[in-house]
Amino acid sequence: MLGVSPQSFIAVEDSVTGLLAAKAAQMKRVAVPDAVYANGPRWSTANRKLNSLPEVNKQLIATI
């Protein structure tokens, strides 16, 4: 379709369901959960967990 492997993508998700879908697709994963739920173990499937979307930047992307 796009001619790019899923491993080249980074999924930015605010839901565990989205993280699991991205993991199944073999994508890298960044979680930005709601603060109420941020400390739960279910976010452990993310490569990185952030507090807010503005934390996504070129440096973060380069290190994932």
N, C-alpha and C. Protein backbone atom coordinates (compact mmCIF):
# COMPACT_ATOMS: atom_id res chain seq x y z
N MET A 1 0.82 -1.19 0.00
CA MET A 1 0.00 0.00 0.00
C MET A 1 0.87 1.26 0.00
N LEU A 2 1.53 1.54 1.12
CA LEU A 2 2.41 2.70 1.18
C LEU A 2 3.83 2.36 0.76
N GLY A 3 4.16 1.08 0.77
CA GLY A 3 5.49 0.66 0.42
C GLY A 3 6.51 0.89 1.53
N VAL A 4 6.02 1.04 2.76
CA VAL A 4 6.89 1.28 3.92
C VAL A 4 6.55 0.24 4.98
N SER A 5 7.57 -0.31 5.62
CA SER A 5 7.32 -1.34 6.63
C SER A 5 6.73 -0.71 7.90
N PRO A 6 5.89 -1.46 8.61
CA PRO A 6 5.31 -0.96 9.85
C PRO A 6 6.36 -0.56 10.89
N GLN A 7 7.52 -1.21 10.85
CA GLN A 7 8.58 -0.90 11.81
C GLN A 7 9.13 0.52 11.63
N SER A 8 8.81 1.14 10.50
CA SER A 8 9.25 2.51 10.23
C SER A 8 8.34 3.56 10.85
N PHE A 9 7.20 3.13 11.37
CA PHE A 9 6.21 4.05 11.91
C PHE A 9 6.29 4.14 13.42
N ILE A 10 5.84 5.26 13.95
CA ILE A 10 5.67 5.42 15.39
C ILE A 10 4.22 5.77 15.63
N ALA A 11 3.54 4.93 16.39
CA ALA A 11 2.15 5.19 16.75
C ALA A 11 2.12 5.97 18.05
N VAL A 12 1.42 7.08 18.07
CA VAL A 12 1.23 7.88 19.29
C VAL A 12 -0.20 7.64 19.73
N GLU A 13 -0.36 7.03 20.90
CA GLU A 13 -1.67 6.57 21.34
C GLU A 13 -2.02 7.06 22.74
N ASP A 14 -3.31 7.29 22.94
CA ASP A 14 -3.81 7.63 24.27
C ASP A 14 -4.70 6.53 24.83
N SER A 15 -4.71 5.39 24.15
CA SER A 15 -5.51 4.26 24.64
C SER A 15 -4.69 2.97 24.61
N VAL A 16 -5.00 2.11 25.54
CA VAL A 16 -4.32 0.81 25.58
C VAL A 16 -4.68 0.00 24.35
N THR A 17 -5.91 0.08 23.91
CA THR A 17 -6.34 -0.64 22.72
C THR A 17 -5.52 -0.21 21.51
N GLY A 18 -5.28 1.07 21.37
CA GLY A 18 -4.46 1.58 20.28
C GLY A 18 -3.03 1.08 20.38
N LEU A 19 -2.49 1.04 21.60
CA LEU A 19 -1.14 0.51 21.80
C LEU A 19 -1.04 -0.94 21.39
N LEU A 20 -2.04 -1.71 21.77
CA LEU A 20 -2.03 -3.14 21.42
C LEU A 20 -2.14 -3.34 19.92
N ALA A 21 -2.94 -2.52 19.26
CA ALA A 21 -3.07 -2.61 17.80
C ALA A 21 -1.74 -2.25 17.13
N ALA A 22 -1.08 -1.20 17.63
CA ALA A 22 0.20 -0.80 17.07
C ALA A 22 1.26 -1.88 17.31
N LYS A 23 1.21 -2.50 18.47
CA LYS A 23 2.16 -3.58 18.76
C LYS A 23 1.92 -4.76 17.81
N ALA A 24 0.66 -5.11 17.60
CA ALA A 24 0.33 -6.20 16.69
C ALA A 24 0.80 -5.90 15.26
N ALA A 25 0.81 -4.61 14.92
CA ALA A 25 1.27 -4.20 13.59
C ALA A 25 2.79 -4.02 13.54
N GLN A 26 3.46 -4.29 14.65
CA GLN A 26 4.92 -4.19 14.77
C GLN A 26 5.43 -2.76 14.63
N MET A 27 4.61 -1.80 15.06
CA MET A 27 5.03 -0.40 15.06
C MET A 27 5.67 -0.05 16.40
N LYS A 28 6.49 0.98 16.40
CA LYS A 28 6.99 1.53 17.65
C LYS A 28 5.84 2.31 18.28
N ARG A 29 5.84 2.39 19.64
CA ARG A 29 4.68 2.94 20.32
C ARG A 29 5.05 3.98 21.37
N VAL A 30 4.33 5.11 21.32
CA VAL A 30 4.43 6.16 22.33
C VAL A 30 3.06 6.32 22.95
N ALA A 31 3.00 6.21 24.27
CA ALA A 31 1.73 6.38 24.98
C ALA A 31 1.67 7.78 25.58
N VAL A 32 0.51 8.40 25.43
CA VAL A 32 0.23 9.68 26.07
C VAL A 32 -1.11 9.52 26.80
N PRO A 33 -1.08 8.80 27.93
CA PRO A 33 -2.33 8.50 28.62
C PRO A 33 -2.87 9.69 29.40
N ASP A 34 -4.16 9.64 29.65
CA ASP A 34 -4.80 10.61 30.54
C ASP A 34 -4.13 10.51 31.91
N ALA A 35 -3.90 11.63 32.55
CA ALA A 35 -3.19 11.64 33.84
C ALA A 35 -3.86 10.76 34.88
N VAL A 36 -5.16 10.60 34.82
CA VAL A 36 -5.89 9.77 35.79
C VAL A 36 -5.45 8.31 35.70
N TYR A 37 -5.09 7.85 34.51
CA TYR A 37 -4.75 6.45 34.29
C TYR A 37 -3.25 6.21 34.02
N ALA A 38 -2.45 7.25 34.06
CA ALA A 38 -1.06 7.17 33.60
C ALA A 38 -0.18 6.22 34.39
N ASN A 39 -0.49 5.95 35.63
CA ASN A 39 0.40 5.11 36.45
C ASN A 39 0.09 3.63 36.38
N GLY A 40 -0.88 3.24 35.60
CA GLY A 40 -1.24 1.83 35.50
C GLY A 40 -0.23 1.01 34.72
N PRO A 41 -0.10 -0.27 35.05
CA PRO A 41 0.86 -1.15 34.36
C PRO A 41 0.49 -1.45 32.92
N ARG A 42 -0.72 -1.17 32.53
CA ARG A 42 -1.15 -1.51 31.17
C ARG A 42 -0.44 -0.71 30.09
N TRP A 43 0.25 0.35 30.47
CA TRP A 43 0.98 1.16 29.49
C TRP A 43 2.37 0.59 29.19
N SER A 44 2.70 -0.52 29.81
CA SER A 44 4.04 -1.09 29.66
C SER A 44 4.36 -1.57 28.25
N THR A 45 3.36 -1.71 27.39
CA THR A 45 3.63 -2.13 26.02
C THR A 45 4.18 -0.98 25.17
N ALA A 46 4.17 0.23 25.71
CA ALA A 46 4.70 1.39 24.98
C ALA A 46 6.22 1.41 25.05
N ASN A 47 6.84 1.88 23.98
CA ASN A 47 8.28 2.08 23.99
C ASN A 47 8.64 3.28 24.87
N ARG A 48 7.75 4.26 24.89
CA ARG A 48 7.91 5.45 25.75
C ARG A 48 6.55 5.89 26.23
N LYS A 49 6.48 6.44 27.43
CA LYS A 49 5.25 7.01 27.97
C LYS A 49 5.51 8.47 28.28
N LEU A 50 4.65 9.33 27.77
CA LEU A 50 4.80 10.78 27.95
C LEU A 50 3.65 11.34 28.77
N ASN A 51 3.86 12.53 29.28
CA ASN A 51 2.81 13.21 30.04
C ASN A 51 1.89 14.03 29.15
N SER A 52 2.43 14.50 28.02
CA SER A 52 1.62 15.33 27.13
C SER A 52 2.14 15.24 25.69
N LEU A 53 1.29 15.52 24.77
CA LEU A 53 1.63 15.43 23.35
C LEU A 53 2.75 16.39 22.93
N PRO A 54 2.85 17.59 23.50
CA PRO A 54 3.96 18.47 23.11
C PRO A 54 5.35 17.91 23.43
N GLU A 55 5.43 16.84 24.20
CA GLU A 55 6.72 16.20 24.47
C GLU A 55 7.25 15.43 23.26
N VAL A 56 6.40 15.19 22.28
CA VAL A 56 6.86 14.51 21.06
C VAL A 56 7.68 15.52 20.25
N ASN A 57 8.92 15.17 19.98
CA ASN A 57 9.80 16.06 19.22
C ASN A 57 10.79 15.23 18.41
N LYS A 58 11.62 15.88 17.64
CA LYS A 58 12.57 15.17 16.78
C LYS A 58 13.54 14.31 17.58
N GLN A 59 13.99 14.81 18.73
CA GLN A 59 14.91 14.04 19.55
C GLN A 59 14.27 12.76 20.05
N LEU A 60 13.03 12.84 20.50
CA LEU A 60 12.31 11.65 20.97
C LEU A 60 12.19 10.63 19.83
N ILE A 61 11.76 11.12 18.68
CA ILE A 61 11.57 10.23 17.53
C ILE A 61 12.88 9.56 17.14
N ALA A 62 13.97 10.28 17.22
CA ALA A 62 15.27 9.72 16.85
C ALA A 62 15.74 8.63 17.83
N THR A 63 15.25 8.67 19.06
CA THR A 63 15.72 7.71 20.06
C THR A 63 14.82 6.49 20.21
N ILE A 64 13.73 6.47 19.50
CA ILE A 64 12.82 5.31 19.63
C ILE A 64 13.17 4.27 18.60
